[in-house]
Amino acid sequence: MWVKASGTSLGSIIAENFVRMDRSLLDAIWAKSYPAETDAREAAAKEDLLAARAPGEEEKRPTVESLLHALFPHRIVYHSHPTLGGGLLCSVDGEGEARRLFGDDMLWIPIVNAGYVLAKRLREEVDAYRAGNGGRWPRFVLMQNHGIVVAGETSREIVALHEEFEGRMIEAIGGERASLFSQWAPNADAAAVNASGPIRTALVDAAEAVATLAAYGGDDAPVVLHDADPLFSPFLDSRDSFAPLHGALTPDHIVYAGHLPAWADDASDLDEVMSRYRSDHGSDPKIVALRGVGVVAIGKNRKTAESALLLFRDAAKIATLAPAFGGVQFMPPDQVDFIRNWEVEHFRARVGE
């Protein structure tokens, strides 16, 4: 089985970015017993996953979700995080609405720790689903606050499943939101704020912000991107209106845009905001929202800043869609802490830099 190497981008992936895995060694993992303690379990599961690489693949690190892919006998197993799906998966009534929309075509997986624990839970749920459905495999696997999985024999079948999923979602979302969704596109005006920009000046002049810059690499100032797209406008009137974005939606949002954005009522508050955030969370924010002004993404280089902004734009779209399904539901604190402290995600973030 070939799986995507951890940290590589699907947008620019080439054949060499896939890792060849030994299916028999992956299957053997299910017979293993792992420690109950989280760090010990994850370390042991990682070593077994690495040991399942085929000869000659030792320099590559397979995606932690390799076991998830290996569960399916289909030729192609495709796991993705569509924004339309996020509106459902990150919502209060997600499971009930998913059952209404997809019926027996769908298998819902409640939120659990990613990696081995998720694959184990999925294996149990798939077995139960097939036992109750004459051996049939689910057409759509929907994982709460995560993403979807579909499987098939051809790429055309995979595309058709995604198009069907998207069509049902657009029908459920309704006219106004579906129309808004079709208009969303990457903001071409998002650019690095120059040294004279008020946001950049406020960041650089503040004493605590100088410490923040040091954390990103000595005297080198980070890349700061400002996005004032109307997409964000409904969320920037007040702290209350920002609430649907003030949390973690999925593991990817945590890895690339941070587990929690910072809020500032005014640019003059940024020194206090940055200092308080570091004190409260032990890290610097990757996203700062400025009331009535826009969103600022901060990264050690342009790639990391752009990734943070891209994922936060996605979060804003999900937060706009979620009211169709009862409103936004964030990941619970224990799940957020797991992702923030997980070695796998630290590795993925480093590779993505």
Protein backbone atom coordinates (compact mmCIF):
# COMPACT_ATOMS: atom_id res chain seq x y z
CA MET A 1 0.00 0.00 0.00
CA TRP A 2 1.24 3.50 -0.85
CA VAL A 3 0.37 6.32 1.55
CA LYS A 4 1.16 10.01 1.65
CA ALA A 5 4.33 10.93 3.53
CA SER A 6 3.65 12.96 6.67
CA GLY A 7 3.92 16.71 6.21
CA THR A 8 3.84 16.71 2.41
CA SER A 9 1.30 18.81 0.54
CA LEU A 10 -1.34 17.20 -1.66
CA GLY A 11 -1.28 20.36 -3.76
CA SER A 12 2.28 19.72 -4.92
CA ILE A 13 2.69 15.99 -4.24
CA ILE A 14 4.78 13.79 -6.55
CA ALA A 15 5.26 10.02 -6.65
CA GLU A 16 8.32 10.20 -4.40
CA ASN A 17 6.19 11.75 -1.64
CA PHE A 18 4.33 8.48 -1.13
CA VAL A 19 5.58 5.75 1.21
CA ARG A 20 5.29 2.06 0.30
CA MET A 21 3.95 0.05 3.23
CA ASP A 22 3.83 -3.68 3.98
CA ARG A 23 0.15 -4.58 4.45
CA SER A 24 0.95 -7.72 6.44
CA LEU A 25 3.00 -5.73 8.97
CA LEU A 26 0.24 -3.11 9.23
CA ASP A 27 -2.35 -5.83 9.85
CA ALA A 28 -0.12 -7.34 12.54
CA ILE A 29 -0.38 -4.12 14.57
CA TRP A 30 -3.96 -5.04 15.54
CA ALA A 31 -2.67 -8.01 17.53
CA LYS A 32 -0.39 -5.77 19.61
CA SER A 33 -1.09 -4.45 23.09
CA TYR A 34 -0.10 -0.87 23.85
CA PRO A 35 0.37 1.00 27.13
CA ALA A 36 -2.62 2.88 28.51
CA GLU A 37 -0.56 6.02 29.12
CA THR A 38 -0.88 8.36 26.15
CA ASP A 39 2.76 9.23 25.44
CA ALA A 40 3.95 5.64 25.86
CA ARG A 41 1.14 4.36 23.62
CA GLU A 42 1.84 6.88 20.89
CA ALA A 43 5.59 6.18 20.95
CA ALA A 44 5.05 2.44 20.67
CA ALA A 45 2.44 2.78 17.91
CA LYS A 46 4.75 5.11 15.97
CA GLU A 47 7.62 2.61 16.11
CA ASP A 48 5.37 -0.19 14.83
CA LEU A 49 4.09 2.05 12.03
CA LEU A 50 7.64 2.92 10.98
CA ALA A 51 8.57 -0.77 11.12
CA ALA A 52 5.78 -1.48 8.60
CA ARG A 53 7.57 0.47 5.86
CA ALA A 54 8.67 -1.62 2.91
CA PRO A 55 12.41 -2.07 2.27
CA GLY A 56 13.97 1.07 0.79
CA GLU A 57 11.40 3.42 2.33
CA GLU A 58 13.26 4.05 5.58
CA GLU A 59 13.96 7.73 4.86
CA LYS A 60 10.25 8.56 4.60
CA ARG A 61 7.69 8.89 7.37
CA PRO A 62 4.21 7.58 6.55
CA THR A 63 1.09 9.46 7.52
CA VAL A 64 -0.07 8.58 11.01
CA GLU A 65 -3.40 7.64 9.42
CA SER A 66 -1.86 4.71 7.50
CA LEU A 67 -3.78 2.21 9.64
CA LEU A 68 -7.03 3.97 8.81
CA HIS A 69 -6.35 3.61 5.09
CA ALA A 70 -5.29 -0.03 5.46
CA LEU A 71 -8.70 -0.98 6.91
CA PHE A 72 -10.33 -0.74 3.50
CA PRO A 73 -9.85 -3.38 0.75
CA HIS A 74 -10.57 -0.88 -2.03
CA ARG A 75 -7.91 0.18 -4.52
CA ILE A 76 -8.14 3.87 -3.51
CA VAL A 77 -8.86 5.21 -0.03
CA TYR A 78 -9.20 8.99 0.07
CA HIS A 79 -9.29 11.02 3.29
CA SER A 80 -10.01 14.74 2.97
CA HIS A 81 -11.19 17.78 4.90
CA PRO A 82 -13.71 19.55 2.65
CA THR A 83 -14.92 22.89 3.96
CA LEU A 84 -18.53 22.01 3.17
CA GLY A 85 -18.09 18.90 5.28
CA GLY A 86 -16.58 20.96 8.07
CA GLY A 87 -19.79 22.93 8.38
CA LEU A 88 -21.51 19.66 9.28
CA LEU A 89 -18.72 17.86 11.15
CA CYS A 90 -17.97 20.86 13.39
CA SER A 91 -21.58 21.55 14.35
CA VAL A 92 -23.74 20.95 17.39
CA ASP A 93 -26.28 18.80 15.53
CA GLY A 94 -23.74 17.22 13.19
CA GLU A 95 -24.45 13.55 13.86
CA GLY A 96 -28.22 13.86 13.68
CA GLU A 97 -28.09 16.00 10.55
CA ALA A 98 -25.60 13.60 8.93
CA ARG A 99 -27.97 10.69 9.54
CA ARG A 100 -30.83 12.68 8.04
CA LEU A 101 -28.78 13.62 4.96
CA PHE A 102 -26.95 10.35 4.31
CA GLY A 103 -28.93 7.63 6.09
CA ASP A 104 -27.36 4.16 5.89
CA ASP A 105 -24.80 5.39 3.36
CA MET A 106 -22.91 7.04 6.23
CA LEU A 107 -20.87 5.90 9.21
CA TRP A 108 -20.39 8.57 11.89
CA ILE A 109 -17.26 8.46 14.08
CA PRO A 110 -17.42 10.56 17.28
CA ILE A 111 -14.32 12.58 18.07
CA VAL A 112 -11.42 10.58 19.52
CA ASN A 113 -7.64 11.01 19.57
CA ALA A 114 -6.18 10.96 16.07
CA GLY A 115 -3.79 8.24 14.93
CA TYR A 116 -3.90 4.75 16.43
CA VAL A 117 -6.92 5.42 18.67
CA LEU A 118 -8.94 6.79 15.75
CA ALA A 119 -8.00 3.85 13.51
CA LYS A 120 -8.95 1.38 16.26
CA ARG A 121 -12.31 3.09 16.82
CA LEU A 122 -12.94 3.18 13.07
CA ARG A 123 -12.12 -0.52 12.77
CA GLU A 124 -14.65 -1.36 15.49
CA GLU A 125 -17.32 0.88 13.98
CA VAL A 126 -16.78 -0.44 10.45
CA ASP A 127 -17.05 -4.03 11.65
CA ALA A 128 -20.31 -3.22 13.44
CA TYR A 129 -21.64 -1.34 10.39
CA ARG A 130 -20.88 -4.22 8.04
CA ALA A 131 -22.40 -6.75 10.42
CA GLY A 132 -25.64 -4.76 10.36
CA ASN A 133 -25.62 -4.09 6.62
CA GLY A 134 -25.00 -7.46 5.01
CA GLY A 135 -21.25 -6.99 4.72
CA ARG A 136 -21.62 -3.71 2.83
CA TRP A 137 -18.97 -1.01 3.35
CA PRO A 138 -20.12 2.54 4.21
CA ARG A 139 -20.04 4.90 1.24
CA PHE A 140 -19.13 7.85 3.48
CA VAL A 141 -17.20 7.80 6.74
CA LEU A 142 -17.71 11.10 8.58
CA MET A 143 -15.35 11.83 11.46
CA GLN A 144 -16.50 14.49 13.92
CA ASN A 145 -14.30 17.63 13.99
CA HIS A 146 -11.97 15.99 11.50
CA GLY A 147 -12.87 14.97 7.93
CA ILE A 148 -14.35 12.36 5.62
CA VAL A 149 -13.17 9.07 4.09
CA VAL A 150 -14.39 7.52 0.86
CA ALA A 151 -13.06 4.44 -0.95
CA GLY A 152 -13.39 3.05 -4.46
CA GLU A 153 -11.69 1.26 -7.31
CA THR A 154 -11.08 4.20 -9.66
CA SER A 155 -10.29 7.90 -9.34
CA ARG A 156 -13.52 8.63 -11.20
CA GLU A 157 -15.47 6.80 -8.49
CA ILE A 158 -13.70 8.83 -5.79
CA VAL A 159 -14.54 12.10 -7.56
CA ALA A 160 -18.17 11.02 -7.99
CA LEU A 161 -18.48 10.25 -4.27
CA HIS A 162 -17.13 13.70 -3.39
CA GLU A 163 -19.47 15.37 -5.86
CA GLU A 164 -22.40 13.49 -4.35
CA PHE A 165 -21.32 14.49 -0.85
CA GLU A 166 -20.95 18.13 -1.88
CA GLY A 167 -24.32 18.13 -3.64
CA ARG A 168 -26.14 16.87 -0.55
CA MET A 169 -24.35 19.43 1.58
CA ILE A 170 -25.23 22.36 -0.67
CA GLU A 171 -28.87 21.25 -0.71
CA ALA A 172 -28.88 21.12 3.10
CA ILE A 173 -27.14 24.47 3.54
CA GLY A 174 -29.72 26.30 1.47
CA GLY A 175 -29.73 29.09 -1.04
CA GLU A 176 -28.09 32.05 0.68
CA ARG A 177 -25.22 30.16 2.28
CA ALA A 178 -24.63 28.00 -0.81
CA SER A 179 -24.47 31.15 -2.95
CA LEU A 180 -22.02 32.76 -0.55
CA PHE A 181 -19.90 29.62 -0.54
CA SER A 182 -19.62 29.65 -4.36
CA GLN A 183 -18.20 33.19 -4.20
CA TRP A 184 -15.45 32.46 -1.71
CA ALA A 185 -11.95 32.41 -3.11
CA PRO A 186 -8.44 33.03 -1.76
CA ASN A 187 -8.00 36.72 -1.05
CA ALA A 188 -5.63 38.12 -3.65
CA ASP A 189 -5.22 41.29 -1.59
CA ALA A 190 -3.74 39.55 1.45
CA ALA A 191 -0.13 40.76 1.50
CA ALA A 192 2.73 41.28 3.89
CA VAL A 193 2.17 44.39 5.95
CA ASN A 194 5.01 46.81 5.32
CA ALA A 195 7.06 48.42 8.06
CA SER A 196 4.89 51.56 8.09
CA GLY A 197 1.60 49.69 8.39
CA PRO A 198 -0.21 50.40 11.68
CA ILE A 199 -0.58 46.72 12.59
CA ARG A 200 3.08 45.93 11.91
CA THR A 201 4.16 49.05 13.80
CA ALA A 202 2.06 48.13 16.82
CA LEU A 203 3.54 44.65 16.84
CA VAL A 204 7.15 45.73 16.45
CA ASP A 205 6.98 48.65 18.89
CA ALA A 206 5.41 46.72 21.77
CA ALA A 207 7.91 45.35 24.28
CA GLU A 208 6.20 41.97 24.53
CA ALA A 209 5.88 41.78 20.76
CA VAL A 210 9.65 42.17 20.45
CA ALA A 211 9.96 39.05 22.62
CA THR A 212 7.48 37.38 20.29
CA LEU A 213 9.65 38.22 17.30
CA ALA A 214 12.68 36.78 19.07
CA ALA A 215 10.83 33.51 19.50
CA TYR A 216 10.49 33.35 15.72
CA GLY A 217 14.23 33.58 15.11
CA GLY A 218 16.49 36.14 16.73
CA ASP A 219 16.29 39.61 15.28
CA ASP A 220 14.45 38.51 12.14
CA ALA A 221 10.95 39.95 12.10
CA PRO A 222 8.24 37.41 11.21
CA VAL A 223 6.04 37.68 8.18
CA VAL A 224 2.77 39.43 9.04
CA LEU A 225 -0.22 39.10 6.70
CA HIS A 226 -3.36 41.23 7.00
CA ASP A 227 -6.65 40.06 5.50
CA ALA A 228 -9.69 42.35 5.58
CA ASP A 229 -11.89 40.18 3.35
CA PRO A 230 -15.67 40.62 3.95
CA LEU A 231 -15.69 36.93 4.84
CA PHE A 232 -14.48 37.93 8.30
CA SER A 233 -16.74 40.97 8.76
CA PRO A 234 -19.63 39.25 10.60
CA PHE A 235 -17.19 37.99 13.23
CA LEU A 236 -15.26 41.22 13.91
CA ASP A 237 -17.84 43.54 15.46
CA SER A 238 -17.23 42.42 19.03
CA ARG A 239 -15.89 39.64 21.22
CA ASP A 240 -19.36 38.08 21.19
CA SER A 241 -19.56 38.05 17.40
CA PHE A 242 -16.06 36.52 17.30
CA ALA A 243 -17.13 33.60 19.55
CA PRO A 244 -17.80 31.13 16.64
CA LEU A 245 -14.11 31.46 15.67
CA HIS A 246 -12.66 31.47 19.17
CA GLY A 247 -11.79 27.78 19.41
CA ALA A 248 -10.28 24.79 17.60
CA LEU A 249 -12.30 23.13 14.85
CA THR A 250 -10.04 20.30 13.60
CA PRO A 251 -6.48 19.00 14.08
CA ASP A 252 -5.34 20.75 10.89
CA HIS A 253 -6.60 24.10 12.15
CA ILE A 254 -4.60 23.60 15.35
CA VAL A 255 -1.40 22.60 13.55
CA TYR A 256 -1.35 25.41 11.01
CA ALA A 257 -3.45 28.26 12.47
CA GLY A 258 -2.98 27.61 16.18
CA HIS A 259 -5.36 26.18 18.77
CA LEU A 260 -6.88 29.57 19.63
CA PRO A 261 -6.80 32.93 17.84
CA ALA A 262 -6.13 36.10 19.82
CA TRP A 263 -8.60 39.01 19.92
CA ALA A 264 -7.73 42.70 20.14
CA ASP A 265 -10.25 45.52 20.46
CA ASP A 266 -7.72 47.99 19.07
CA ALA A 267 -4.21 47.95 17.59
CA SER A 268 -3.02 49.84 20.66
CA ASP A 269 -3.98 46.79 22.75
CA LEU A 270 -1.66 44.42 20.89
CA ASP A 271 1.22 44.56 23.36
CA GLU A 272 -1.07 43.53 26.21
CA VAL A 273 -2.86 40.95 24.05
CA MET A 274 0.38 39.28 22.95
CA SER A 275 1.79 39.22 26.47
CA ARG A 276 -1.39 37.82 28.01
CA TYR A 277 -1.70 35.18 25.30
CA ARG A 278 1.83 33.93 25.86
CA SER A 279 1.23 33.84 29.62
CA ASP A 280 -2.05 31.95 29.26
CA HIS A 281 -1.07 29.49 26.53
CA GLY A 282 2.71 29.15 26.61
CA SER A 283 3.02 30.12 22.95
CA ASP A 284 2.44 33.03 20.61
CA PRO A 285 -0.76 33.31 18.55
CA LYS A 286 -0.60 32.54 14.86
CA ILE A 287 -3.79 34.51 14.28
CA VAL A 288 -4.80 37.87 15.77
CA ALA A 289 -8.26 39.29 15.05
CA LEU A 290 -8.60 43.06 15.25
CA ARG A 291 -12.07 44.44 15.93
CA GLY A 292 -13.51 46.04 12.81
CA VAL A 293 -10.14 45.90 11.01
CA GLY A 294 -9.43 42.35 9.88
CA VAL A 295 -7.34 39.31 10.63
CA VAL A 296 -3.57 39.16 11.05
CA ALA A 297 -1.57 35.97 10.48
CA ILE A 298 1.95 35.75 11.91
CA GLY A 299 4.60 33.22 10.89
CA LYS A 300 8.34 32.75 10.98
CA ASN A 301 8.29 32.87 7.16
CA ARG A 302 5.80 33.60 4.43
CA LYS A 303 4.80 29.97 3.98
CA THR A 304 3.80 29.49 7.62
CA ALA A 305 1.95 32.82 7.71
CA GLU A 306 0.08 31.99 4.50
CA SER A 307 -0.82 28.54 5.83
CA ALA A 308 -2.18 30.07 9.05
CA LEU A 309 -4.27 32.56 7.09
CA LEU A 310 -5.54 29.90 4.68
CA LEU A 311 -6.67 27.64 7.53
CA PHE A 312 -8.28 30.53 9.41
CA ARG A 313 -10.17 31.53 6.28
CA ASP A 314 -11.39 27.94 6.16
CA ALA A 315 -12.46 28.23 9.82
CA ALA A 316 -14.48 31.35 8.98
CA LYS A 317 -16.25 29.50 6.18
CA ILE A 318 -17.05 26.58 8.47
CA ALA A 319 -18.34 28.98 11.13
CA THR A 320 -20.58 30.57 8.47
CA LEU A 321 -21.96 27.20 7.40
CA ALA A 322 -22.38 25.60 10.84
CA PRO A 323 -25.56 27.53 11.87
CA ALA A 324 -27.40 25.43 9.26
CA PHE A 325 -26.67 22.46 11.55
CA GLY A 326 -27.20 23.96 14.99
CA GLY A 327 -24.08 26.15 15.26
CA VAL A 328 -20.35 25.65 15.75
CA GLN A 329 -19.00 22.91 17.98
CA PHE A 330 -15.31 23.11 18.85
CA MET A 331 -13.00 20.24 19.75
CA PRO A 332 -13.10 19.47 23.51
CA PRO A 333 -10.11 20.68 25.59
CA ASP A 334 -8.59 17.22 26.07
CA GLN A 335 -8.54 16.66 22.31
CA VAL A 336 -6.98 20.07 21.74
CA ASP A 337 -4.28 19.34 24.31
CA PHE A 338 -3.57 15.97 22.70
CA ILE A 339 -2.96 17.55 19.28
CA ARG A 340 -0.90 20.41 20.71
CA ASN A 341 1.41 18.01 22.53
CA TRP A 342 1.48 15.19 19.97
CA GLU A 343 4.93 14.53 18.51
CA VAL A 344 3.33 13.55 15.21
CA GLU A 345 1.83 17.00 14.73
CA HIS A 346 5.04 18.75 15.79
CA PHE A 347 6.80 16.79 13.06
CA ARG A 348 4.12 17.64 10.48
CA ALA A 349 4.33 21.33 11.33
CA ARG A 350 8.14 21.33 11.01
CA VAL A 351 8.02 19.64 7.62
CA GLY A 352 5.35 22.11 6.50
CA GLU A 353 7.63 25.06 7.25
